């Protein structure tokens, strides 16, 4: 029996908070037009340019973060204030989701949804990236450094450094480097 496009996409959606993208379809050998057909039949929801969602999978508190990583062609990495929030390292409460994309990557700022994100164009080294619930995210030390550089309030940075060190998310050397960087910025 032939496997349906929907069942193949379903397997991808299970690892992406219910989302699939046109890039996923291409990678799986599924014509992108099939996503639109599935959406018109109510089998998928069209969320944003090139992003679809299986309506029967529940929306979770992490769904908007997964969508943010997929929005710039699946190349977004959660970063800055958002990473500190997800790691629960301090009492930060960002109003928008922060994502990093490559300086050289193609990106269309006019895509629907751009107003929900703070987009940072920077090249990250592979060792600066990890995964949180299947989503690419910067490591805690990188997130703290990014927040220092972007001017997040000092008491939040100090709280993040203390908690990250207490839970073993950063090393003593990381702690020393971040405190030194924080002192230079003040």
N, C-alpha and C. Protein backbone atom coordinates (compact mmCIF):
# COMPACT_ATOMS: atom_id res chain seq x y z
N UNK A 1 0.84 -1.19 0.00
CA UNK A 1 0.00 0.00 0.00
C UNK A 1 0.89 1.25 0.00
N UNK A 2 0.58 2.19 -0.83
CA UNK A 2 1.35 3.42 -0.93
C UNK A 2 1.15 4.29 0.31
N UNK A 3 2.22 4.91 0.73
CA UNK A 3 2.16 5.82 1.86
C UNK A 3 1.70 7.18 1.38
N UNK A 4 0.76 7.79 2.10
CA UNK A 4 0.26 9.10 1.68
C UNK A 4 1.26 10.20 2.05
N UNK A 5 1.17 11.30 1.32
CA UNK A 5 2.02 12.45 1.61
C UNK A 5 1.80 12.91 3.05
N UNK A 6 0.53 12.89 3.46
CA UNK A 6 0.19 13.36 4.80
C UNK A 6 0.85 12.50 5.88
N UNK A 7 0.86 11.21 5.70
CA UNK A 7 1.46 10.35 6.73
C UNK A 7 2.98 10.52 6.79
N UNK A 8 3.61 10.80 5.66
CA UNK A 8 5.05 11.06 5.65
C UNK A 8 5.34 12.38 6.37
N UNK A 9 4.53 13.39 6.09
CA UNK A 9 4.70 14.69 6.74
C UNK A 9 4.39 14.61 8.24
N UNK A 10 3.46 13.74 8.60
CA UNK A 10 3.08 13.57 10.00
C UNK A 10 4.30 13.21 10.86
N UNK A 11 5.14 12.34 10.34
CA UNK A 11 6.34 11.91 11.09
C UNK A 11 7.26 13.10 11.37
N UNK A 12 7.38 14.01 10.42
CA UNK A 12 8.19 15.21 10.61
C UNK A 12 7.52 16.13 11.62
N UNK A 13 6.21 16.28 11.50
CA UNK A 13 5.46 17.18 12.38
C UNK A 13 5.55 16.77 13.84
N UNK A 14 5.65 15.49 14.11
CA UNK A 14 5.74 15.03 15.49
C UNK A 14 6.99 15.56 16.18
N UNK A 15 8.05 15.79 15.44
CA UNK A 15 9.28 16.32 16.01
C UNK A 15 9.36 17.85 15.93
N UNK A 16 8.35 18.49 15.36
CA UNK A 16 8.40 19.95 15.16
C UNK A 16 7.14 20.62 15.70
N UNK A 17 6.65 20.14 16.84
CA UNK A 17 5.49 20.77 17.48
C UNK A 17 4.27 20.86 16.55
N UNK A 18 4.15 19.92 15.62
CA UNK A 18 3.02 19.88 14.71
C UNK A 18 3.23 20.61 13.39
N UNK A 19 4.38 21.23 13.21
CA UNK A 19 4.65 22.02 12.01
C UNK A 19 5.39 21.23 10.95
N UNK A 20 5.12 21.57 9.70
CA UNK A 20 5.90 21.09 8.55
C UNK A 20 6.11 22.30 7.63
N UNK A 21 7.17 22.23 6.86
CA UNK A 21 7.49 23.35 5.98
C UNK A 21 7.60 22.89 4.54
N UNK A 22 7.62 23.86 3.65
CA UNK A 22 7.82 23.53 2.24
C UNK A 22 9.20 22.90 2.05
N UNK A 23 10.20 23.30 2.85
CA UNK A 23 11.53 22.68 2.78
C UNK A 23 11.46 21.22 3.19
N UNK A 24 10.65 20.91 4.21
CA UNK A 24 10.47 19.51 4.62
C UNK A 24 9.89 18.69 3.47
N UNK A 25 8.88 19.26 2.81
CA UNK A 25 8.25 18.55 1.69
C UNK A 25 9.26 18.28 0.58
N UNK A 26 10.03 19.29 0.22
CA UNK A 26 11.04 19.11 -0.83
C UNK A 26 12.05 18.03 -0.45
N UNK A 27 12.52 18.09 0.79
CA UNK A 27 13.51 17.12 1.27
C UNK A 27 12.95 15.70 1.21
N UNK A 28 11.65 15.54 1.39
CA UNK A 28 11.01 14.22 1.38
C UNK A 28 10.54 13.82 -0.01
N UNK A 29 10.77 14.67 -1.01
CA UNK A 29 10.35 14.35 -2.37
C UNK A 29 8.87 14.56 -2.61
N UNK A 30 8.25 15.38 -1.79
CA UNK A 30 6.82 15.68 -1.93
C UNK A 30 6.67 17.03 -2.64
N UNK A 31 5.90 17.07 -3.72
CA UNK A 31 5.70 18.36 -4.39
C UNK A 31 5.08 19.37 -3.43
N UNK A 32 5.64 20.57 -3.37
CA UNK A 32 5.18 21.60 -2.43
C UNK A 32 3.71 21.92 -2.64
N UNK A 33 3.23 21.80 -3.85
CA UNK A 33 1.81 22.08 -4.13
C UNK A 33 0.89 21.19 -3.30
N UNK A 34 1.37 20.03 -2.90
CA UNK A 34 0.56 19.12 -2.09
C UNK A 34 0.24 19.70 -0.72
N UNK A 35 1.13 20.55 -0.19
CA UNK A 35 0.84 21.20 1.09
C UNK A 35 -0.39 22.09 0.96
N UNK A 36 -0.44 22.86 -0.11
CA UNK A 36 -1.60 23.71 -0.35
C UNK A 36 -2.88 22.91 -0.54
N UNK A 37 -2.77 21.78 -1.22
CA UNK A 37 -3.95 20.92 -1.42
C UNK A 37 -4.44 20.37 -0.08
N UNK A 38 -3.50 19.92 0.76
CA UNK A 38 -3.88 19.41 2.08
C UNK A 38 -4.52 20.52 2.92
N UNK A 39 -4.02 21.74 2.80
CA UNK A 39 -4.59 22.86 3.54
C UNK A 39 -5.99 23.19 3.04
N UNK A 40 -6.19 23.15 1.74
CA UNK A 40 -7.52 23.47 1.20
C UNK A 40 -8.57 22.44 1.60
N UNK A 41 -8.11 21.21 1.90
CA UNK A 41 -9.04 20.16 2.36
C UNK A 41 -9.17 20.13 3.88
N UNK A 42 -8.49 21.06 4.56
CA UNK A 42 -8.57 21.12 6.02
C UNK A 42 -7.69 20.10 6.74
N UNK A 43 -6.80 19.46 6.02
CA UNK A 43 -5.91 18.46 6.63
C UNK A 43 -4.66 19.10 7.22
N UNK A 44 -4.33 20.31 6.78
CA UNK A 44 -3.25 21.12 7.33
C UNK A 44 -3.77 22.54 7.47
N UNK A 45 -3.18 23.29 8.39
CA UNK A 45 -3.46 24.72 8.51
C UNK A 45 -2.28 25.47 7.90
N UNK A 46 -2.57 26.46 7.06
CA UNK A 46 -1.50 27.32 6.54
C UNK A 46 -1.23 28.37 7.61
N UNK A 47 -0.03 28.36 8.18
CA UNK A 47 0.32 29.23 9.29
C UNK A 47 1.01 30.50 8.82
N UNK A 48 1.97 30.32 7.93
CA UNK A 48 2.80 31.42 7.46
C UNK A 48 3.41 30.98 6.14
N UNK A 49 4.14 31.87 5.51
CA UNK A 49 4.77 31.55 4.24
C UNK A 49 5.62 30.28 4.38
N UNK A 50 5.22 29.22 3.69
CA UNK A 50 5.97 27.97 3.69
C UNK A 50 5.84 27.12 4.95
N UNK A 51 4.96 27.51 5.87
CA UNK A 51 4.80 26.78 7.14
C UNK A 51 3.34 26.34 7.28
N UNK A 52 3.18 25.07 7.59
CA UNK A 52 1.86 24.47 7.78
C UNK A 52 1.86 23.73 9.12
N UNK A 53 0.64 23.48 9.63
CA UNK A 53 0.51 22.81 10.92
C UNK A 53 -0.60 21.78 10.87
N UNK A 54 -0.37 20.64 11.51
CA UNK A 54 -1.41 19.62 11.64
C UNK A 54 -2.38 20.06 12.73
N UNK A 55 -3.64 20.30 12.38
CA UNK A 55 -4.58 20.85 13.37
C UNK A 55 -4.89 19.90 14.53
N UNK A 56 -4.72 18.60 14.33
CA UNK A 56 -5.06 17.67 15.40
C UNK A 56 -3.98 17.53 16.46
N UNK A 57 -2.80 18.09 16.20
CA UNK A 57 -1.75 18.10 17.22
C UNK A 57 -1.94 19.34 18.08
N UNK A 58 -1.88 19.19 19.39
CA UNK A 58 -2.19 20.33 20.27
C UNK A 58 -1.14 21.44 20.18
N UNK A 59 -1.62 22.66 20.30
CA UNK A 59 -0.72 23.80 20.41
C UNK A 59 -0.20 23.78 21.84
N UNK A 60 1.11 23.95 21.98
CA UNK A 60 1.73 23.93 23.31
C UNK A 60 2.36 25.29 23.58
N UNK A 61 2.81 25.52 24.80
CA UNK A 61 3.50 26.78 25.08
C UNK A 61 4.77 26.96 24.24
N UNK A 62 5.32 25.87 23.70
CA UNK A 62 6.53 25.96 22.89
C UNK A 62 6.26 26.10 21.39
N UNK A 63 5.02 26.00 20.97
CA UNK A 63 4.69 26.05 19.54
C UNK A 63 5.17 27.32 18.86
N UNK A 64 5.00 28.46 19.50
CA UNK A 64 5.40 29.72 18.87
C UNK A 64 6.93 29.79 18.70
N UNK A 65 7.66 29.14 19.60
CA UNK A 65 9.13 29.12 19.48
C UNK A 65 9.56 28.24 18.31
N UNK A 66 8.91 27.09 18.16
CA UNK A 66 9.22 26.21 17.03
C UNK A 66 8.91 26.93 15.72
N UNK A 67 7.77 27.59 15.67
CA UNK A 67 7.42 28.33 14.46
C UNK A 67 8.48 29.39 14.15
N UNK A 68 9.00 30.04 15.18
CA UNK A 68 10.04 31.07 14.99
C UNK A 68 11.31 30.48 14.37
N UNK A 69 11.68 29.26 14.77
CA UNK A 69 12.89 28.65 14.20
C UNK A 69 12.66 28.24 12.75
N UNK A 70 11.43 27.92 12.40
CA UNK A 70 11.11 27.50 11.04
C UNK A 70 10.87 28.69 10.11
N UNK A 71 10.45 29.81 10.66
CA UNK A 71 10.03 30.97 9.88
C UNK A 71 11.10 31.45 8.89
N UNK A 72 12.37 31.56 9.29
CA UNK A 72 13.36 32.00 8.29
C UNK A 72 13.92 30.81 7.50
N UNK A 73 13.04 30.06 6.90
CA UNK A 73 13.46 28.92 6.08
C UNK A 73 14.04 27.77 6.88
N UNK A 74 13.64 27.66 8.14
CA UNK A 74 14.13 26.57 8.99
C UNK A 74 15.53 26.77 9.50
N UNK A 75 16.05 28.00 9.36
CA UNK A 75 17.43 28.27 9.76
C UNK A 75 17.53 29.18 10.97
N UNK A 76 16.44 29.38 11.70
CA UNK A 76 16.48 30.25 12.87
C UNK A 76 16.97 29.51 14.10
N UNK A 77 17.70 30.22 14.95
CA UNK A 77 18.19 29.68 16.21
C UNK A 77 17.69 30.60 17.32
N UNK A 78 16.99 30.05 18.28
CA UNK A 78 16.51 30.85 19.40
C UNK A 78 17.70 31.42 20.15
N UNK A 79 17.60 32.69 20.54
CA UNK A 79 18.77 33.36 21.10
C UNK A 79 18.39 34.46 22.08
N UNK A 80 19.40 35.15 22.56
CA UNK A 80 19.28 36.33 23.40
C UNK A 80 18.30 36.12 24.56
N UNK A 81 17.40 37.09 24.76
CA UNK A 81 16.43 37.07 25.86
C UNK A 81 15.58 35.80 25.83
N UNK A 82 15.21 35.36 24.64
CA UNK A 82 14.37 34.18 24.50
C UNK A 82 15.05 32.94 25.06
N UNK A 83 16.34 32.79 24.78
CA UNK A 83 17.08 31.64 25.30
C UNK A 83 17.14 31.70 26.82
N UNK A 84 17.40 32.88 27.39
CA UNK A 84 17.42 32.99 28.85
C UNK A 84 16.07 32.62 29.44
N UNK A 85 15.00 33.05 28.78
CA UNK A 85 13.65 32.73 29.25
C UNK A 85 13.41 31.22 29.22
N UNK A 86 13.74 30.57 28.10
CA UNK A 86 13.49 29.14 27.97
C UNK A 86 14.34 28.32 28.93
N UNK A 87 15.57 28.75 29.18
CA UNK A 87 16.43 28.06 30.14
C UNK A 87 16.05 28.37 31.59
N UNK A 88 15.14 29.36 31.75
CA UNK A 88 14.68 29.79 33.08
C UNK A 88 15.85 30.25 33.95
N UNK A 89 16.73 31.05 33.35
CA UNK A 89 17.91 31.52 34.06
C UNK A 89 17.71 32.84 34.79
N UNK A 90 16.68 33.58 34.42
CA UNK A 90 16.40 34.84 35.11
C UNK A 90 14.95 35.23 34.86
N UNK A 91 14.55 36.33 35.46
CA UNK A 91 13.15 36.78 35.39
C UNK A 91 12.87 37.65 34.18
N UNK A 92 13.52 37.35 33.08
CA UNK A 92 13.34 38.13 31.85
C UNK A 92 12.02 37.71 31.19
N UNK A 93 11.37 38.67 30.56
CA UNK A 93 10.09 38.40 29.91
C UNK A 93 10.05 39.15 28.57
N UNK A 94 10.70 38.59 27.55
CA UNK A 94 10.76 39.31 26.27
C UNK A 94 9.39 39.44 25.63
N UNK A 95 9.20 40.57 24.95
CA UNK A 95 7.92 40.80 24.27
C UNK A 95 7.89 40.18 22.88
N UNK A 96 9.07 39.89 22.34
CA UNK A 96 9.16 39.24 21.03
C UNK A 96 10.15 38.08 21.13
N UNK A 97 10.04 37.16 20.20
CA UNK A 97 10.94 36.01 20.17
C UNK A 97 12.21 36.41 19.44
N UNK A 98 13.35 36.16 20.08
CA UNK A 98 14.65 36.49 19.49
C UNK A 98 15.18 35.28 18.74
N UNK A 99 15.55 35.50 17.48
CA UNK A 99 16.16 34.44 16.68
C UNK A 99 17.38 34.97 15.95
N UNK A 100 18.38 34.11 15.83
CA UNK A 100 19.58 34.42 15.05
C UNK A 100 19.47 33.73 13.71
N UNK A 101 19.88 34.43 12.69
CA UNK A 101 20.03 33.83 11.37
C UNK A 101 21.40 34.22 10.84
N UNK A 102 21.91 33.44 9.94
CA UNK A 102 23.23 33.67 9.37
C UNK A 102 23.29 35.02 8.67
N UNK A 103 24.43 35.66 8.73
CA UNK A 103 24.62 36.92 8.03
C UNK A 103 24.49 36.74 6.52
N UNK A 104 24.85 35.56 6.04
CA UNK A 104 24.84 35.32 4.60
C UNK A 104 23.57 34.61 4.12
N UNK A 105 22.73 34.18 5.04
CA UNK A 105 21.53 33.44 4.66
C UNK A 105 20.49 34.31 3.99
N UNK A 106 19.73 33.69 3.10
CA UNK A 106 18.62 34.40 2.47
C UNK A 106 17.50 34.53 3.49
N UNK A 107 16.89 35.68 3.52
CA UNK A 107 15.85 35.96 4.50
C UNK A 107 14.98 37.08 3.95
N UNK A 108 13.71 36.93 4.07
CA UNK A 108 12.79 37.93 3.56
C UNK A 108 12.09 38.62 4.72
N UNK A 109 12.50 39.85 5.07
CA UNK A 109 11.90 40.52 6.23
C UNK A 109 10.44 40.88 6.04
N UNK A 110 9.96 40.82 4.81
CA UNK A 110 8.56 41.17 4.58
C UNK A 110 7.62 39.99 4.76
N UNK A 111 8.16 38.83 5.05
CA UNK A 111 7.31 37.68 5.27
C UNK A 111 6.32 37.97 6.40
N UNK A 112 5.14 37.43 6.27
CA UNK A 112 4.15 37.56 7.32
C UNK A 112 4.72 37.03 8.62
N UNK A 113 4.55 37.79 9.68
CA UNK A 113 5.00 37.35 10.99
C UNK A 113 6.26 38.01 11.48
N UNK A 114 6.93 38.79 10.65
CA UNK A 114 8.20 39.40 11.06
C UNK A 114 8.05 40.27 12.30
N UNK A 115 6.90 40.86 12.48
CA UNK A 115 6.67 41.75 13.63
C UNK A 115 6.75 41.00 14.97
N UNK A 116 6.67 39.68 14.95
CA UNK A 116 6.71 38.90 16.19
C UNK A 116 8.12 38.56 16.63
N UNK A 117 9.11 38.84 15.79
CA UNK A 117 10.47 38.40 16.06
C UNK A 117 11.46 39.55 16.11
N UNK A 118 12.47 39.38 16.96
CA UNK A 118 13.67 40.22 16.91
C UNK A 118 14.70 39.37 16.20
N UNK A 119 15.08 39.80 15.02
CA UNK A 119 15.97 39.02 14.18
C UNK A 119 17.39 39.57 14.30
N UNK A 120 18.30 38.70 14.66
CA UNK A 120 19.71 39.06 14.82
C UNK A 120 20.50 38.33 13.74
N UNK A 121 21.17 39.10 12.90
CA UNK A 121 21.99 38.49 11.85
C UNK A 121 23.40 38.32 12.39
N UNK A 122 23.75 37.07 12.68
CA UNK A 122 25.09 36.77 13.17
C UNK A 122 25.40 35.32 12.86
N UNK A 123 26.66 35.09 12.60
CA UNK A 123 27.10 33.72 12.36
C UNK A 123 27.49 33.09 13.69
N UNK A 124 26.89 31.97 13.98
CA UNK A 124 27.16 31.24 15.22
C UNK A 124 28.06 30.06 14.92
N UNK A 125 29.01 29.81 15.80
CA UNK A 125 29.85 28.62 15.67
C UNK A 125 29.02 27.41 16.09
N UNK A 126 29.27 26.25 15.50
CA UNK A 126 28.49 25.05 15.85
C UNK A 126 28.48 24.76 17.35
N UNK A 127 29.58 25.05 18.06
CA UNK A 127 29.63 24.77 19.49
C UNK A 127 28.78 25.75 20.31
N UNK A 128 28.27 26.81 19.68
CA UNK A 128 27.41 27.77 20.38
C UNK A 128 25.94 27.36 20.32
N UNK A 129 25.63 26.31 19.56
CA UNK A 129 24.25 25.90 19.34
C UNK A 129 23.99 24.53 19.95
N UNK A 130 22.83 24.38 20.56
CA UNK A 130 22.37 23.09 21.06
C UNK A 130 20.90 22.97 20.70
N UNK A 131 20.19 22.05 21.31
CA UNK A 131 18.76 21.89 21.06
C UNK A 131 18.00 21.83 22.37
N UNK A 132 16.83 22.42 22.35
CA UNK A 132 15.92 22.45 23.48
C UNK A 132 14.57 22.01 22.95
N UNK A 133 14.09 20.85 23.39
CA UNK A 133 12.81 20.32 22.89
C UNK A 133 12.78 20.29 21.36
N UNK A 134 13.86 19.81 20.76
CA UNK A 134 14.00 19.67 19.30
C UNK A 134 14.19 20.98 18.55
N UNK A 135 14.31 22.10 19.27
CA UNK A 135 14.49 23.40 18.62
C UNK A 135 15.93 23.86 18.75
N UNK A 136 16.52 24.41 17.69
CA UNK A 136 17.88 24.94 17.81
C UNK A 136 17.88 26.19 18.70
N UNK A 137 18.83 26.24 19.60
CA UNK A 137 18.93 27.34 20.56
C UNK A 137 20.39 27.55 20.91
N UNK A 138 20.76 28.78 21.21
CA UNK A 138 22.14 29.03 21.63
C UNK A 138 22.34 28.46 23.02
N UNK A 139 23.58 28.10 23.31
CA UNK A 139 23.92 27.59 24.64
C UNK A 139 23.79 28.73 25.67
N UNK A 140 23.63 28.39 26.94
CA UNK A 140 23.45 29.42 27.97
C UNK A 140 24.54 30.49 27.99
N UNK A 141 25.81 30.12 27.89
CA UNK A 141 26.88 31.12 27.93
C UNK A 141 26.76 32.10 26.76
N UNK A 142 26.39 31.58 25.60
CA UNK A 142 26.21 32.45 24.43
C UNK A 142 25.03 33.38 24.63
N UNK A 143 23.94 32.86 25.18
CA UNK A 143 22.75 33.69 25.43
C UNK A 143 23.07 34.83 26.40
N UNK A 144 23.79 34.51 27.45
CA UNK A 144 24.16 35.56 28.42
C UNK A 144 25.04 36.60 27.74
N UNK A 145 26.04 36.16 26.98
CA UNK A 145 26.92 37.10 26.27
C UNK A 145 26.11 37.99 25.32
N UNK A 146 25.18 37.39 24.58
CA UNK A 146 24.35 38.17 23.66
C UNK A 146 23.54 39.22 24.42
N UNK A 147 23.02 38.84 25.57
CA UNK A 147 22.21 39.78 26.35
C UNK A 147 23.06 40.90 26.94
N UNK A 148 24.27 40.59 27.34
CA UNK A 148 25.18 41.64 27.81
C UNK A 148 25.44 42.63 26.68
N UNK A 149 25.74 42.09 25.50
CA UNK A 149 26.06 42.94 24.35
C UNK A 149 24.87 43.75 23.86
N UNK A 150 23.65 43.24 24.08
CA UNK A 150 22.47 43.97 23.61
C UNK A 150 21.90 44.92 24.67
N UNK A 151 22.52 44.95 25.85
CA UNK A 151 22.11 45.93 26.86
C UNK A 151 21.02 45.51 27.81
N UNK A 152 20.82 44.23 28.00
CA UNK A 152 19.84 43.76 29.00
C UNK A 152 20.29 44.25 30.37
N UNK A 153 19.33 44.57 31.22
CA UNK A 153 19.62 45.12 32.54
C UNK A 153 20.58 44.23 33.34
N UNK A 154 21.50 44.87 34.02
CA UNK A 154 22.56 44.19 34.76
C UNK A 154 22.07 43.20 35.80
N UNK A 155 20.97 43.54 36.51
CA UNK A 155 20.49 42.61 37.55
C UNK A 155 19.98 41.31 36.93
N UNK A 156 19.44 41.38 35.72
CA UNK A 156 18.97 40.16 35.04
C UNK A 156 20.16 39.33 34.57
N UNK A 157 21.20 40.00 34.09
CA UNK A 157 22.41 39.29 33.67
C UNK A 157 23.05 38.59 34.86
N UNK A 158 23.18 39.31 35.97
CA UNK A 158 23.78 38.73 37.18
C UNK A 158 22.97 37.52 37.65
N UNK A 159 21.66 37.65 37.61
CA UNK A 159 20.79 36.54 38.00
C UNK A 159 21.00 35.34 37.06
N UNK A 160 21.11 35.61 35.77
CA UNK A 160 21.30 34.53 34.79
C UNK A 160 22.64 33.84 34.99
N UNK A 161 23.69 34.61 35.23
CA UNK A 161 25.01 34.02 35.45
C UNK A 161 24.99 33.16 36.72
N UNK A 162 24.44 33.69 37.79
CA UNK A 162 24.39 32.94 39.06
C UNK A 162 23.62 31.64 38.91
N UNK A 163 22.47 31.71 38.28
CA UNK A 163 21.65 30.50 38.14
C UNK A 163 22.30 29.49 37.19
N UNK A 164 22.84 29.99 36.08
CA UNK A 164 23.50 29.10 35.11
C UNK A 164 24.66 28.36 35.76
N UNK A 165 25.42 29.06 36.58
CA UNK A 165 26.54 28.42 37.27
C UNK A 165 26.04 27.42 38.31
N UNK A 166 24.97 27.78 39.02
CA UNK A 166 24.41 26.91 40.06
C UNK A 166 23.87 25.60 39.50
N UNK A 167 23.28 25.65 38.31
CA UNK A 167 22.72 24.44 37.71
C UNK A 167 23.69 23.74 36.76
N UNK A 168 24.90 24.29 36.65
CA UNK A 168 25.92 23.65 35.83
C UNK A 168 25.79 23.90 34.34
N UNK A 169 25.07 24.94 33.96
CA UNK A 169 24.91 25.27 32.53
C UNK A 169 26.11 25.99 31.96
N UNK A 170 26.90 26.61 32.82
CA UNK A 170 28.13 27.27 32.38
C UNK A 170 29.26 26.83 33.32
N UNK A 171 30.47 26.93 32.82
CA UNK A 171 31.65 26.56 33.61
C UNK A 171 32.12 27.77 34.42
N UNK A 172 33.05 27.52 35.34
CA UNK A 172 33.65 28.61 36.10
C UNK A 172 34.36 29.59 35.16
N UNK A 173 35.01 29.06 34.14
CA UNK A 173 35.69 29.93 33.16
C UNK A 173 34.67 30.79 32.41
N UNK A 174 33.53 30.19 32.02
CA UNK A 174 32.47 30.97 31.37
C UNK A 174 31.99 32.08 32.29
N UNK A 175 31.77 31.72 33.55
CA UNK A 175 31.29 32.69 34.54
C UNK A 175 32.26 33.87 34.63
N UNK A 176 33.54 33.58 34.75
CA UNK A 176 34.55 34.64 34.85
C UNK A 176 34.54 35.53 33.61
N UNK A 177 34.49 34.91 32.43
CA UNK A 177 34.48 35.66 31.17
C UNK A 177 33.25 36.56 31.08
N UNK A 178 32.09 36.02 31.45
CA UNK A 178 30.84 36.79 31.36
C UNK A 178 30.82 37.94 32.36
N UNK A 179 31.31 37.70 33.56
CA UNK A 179 31.38 38.78 34.56
C UNK A 179 32.32 39.88 34.08
N UNK A 180 33.45 39.49 33.50
CA UNK A 180 34.40 40.48 32.96
C UNK A 180 33.77 41.29 31.85
N UNK A 181 33.04 40.62 30.96
CA UNK A 181 32.35 41.31 29.87
C UNK A 181 31.28 42.25 30.41
N UNK A 182 30.58 41.80 31.44
CA UNK A 182 29.54 42.63 32.05
C UNK A 182 30.18 43.88 32.68
N UNK A 183 31.32 43.73 33.35
CA UNK A 183 32.01 44.86 33.96
C UNK A 183 32.47 45.87 32.92
N UNK A 184 32.94 45.38 31.77
CA UNK A 184 33.38 46.26 30.69
C UNK A 184 32.20 47.06 30.14
N UNK A 185 31.03 46.44 30.07
CA UNK A 185 29.85 47.10 29.50
C UNK A 185 29.24 48.14 30.43
N UNK A 186 29.51 48.03 31.72
CA UNK A 186 28.89 48.97 32.68
C UNK A 186 29.60 50.25 32.77
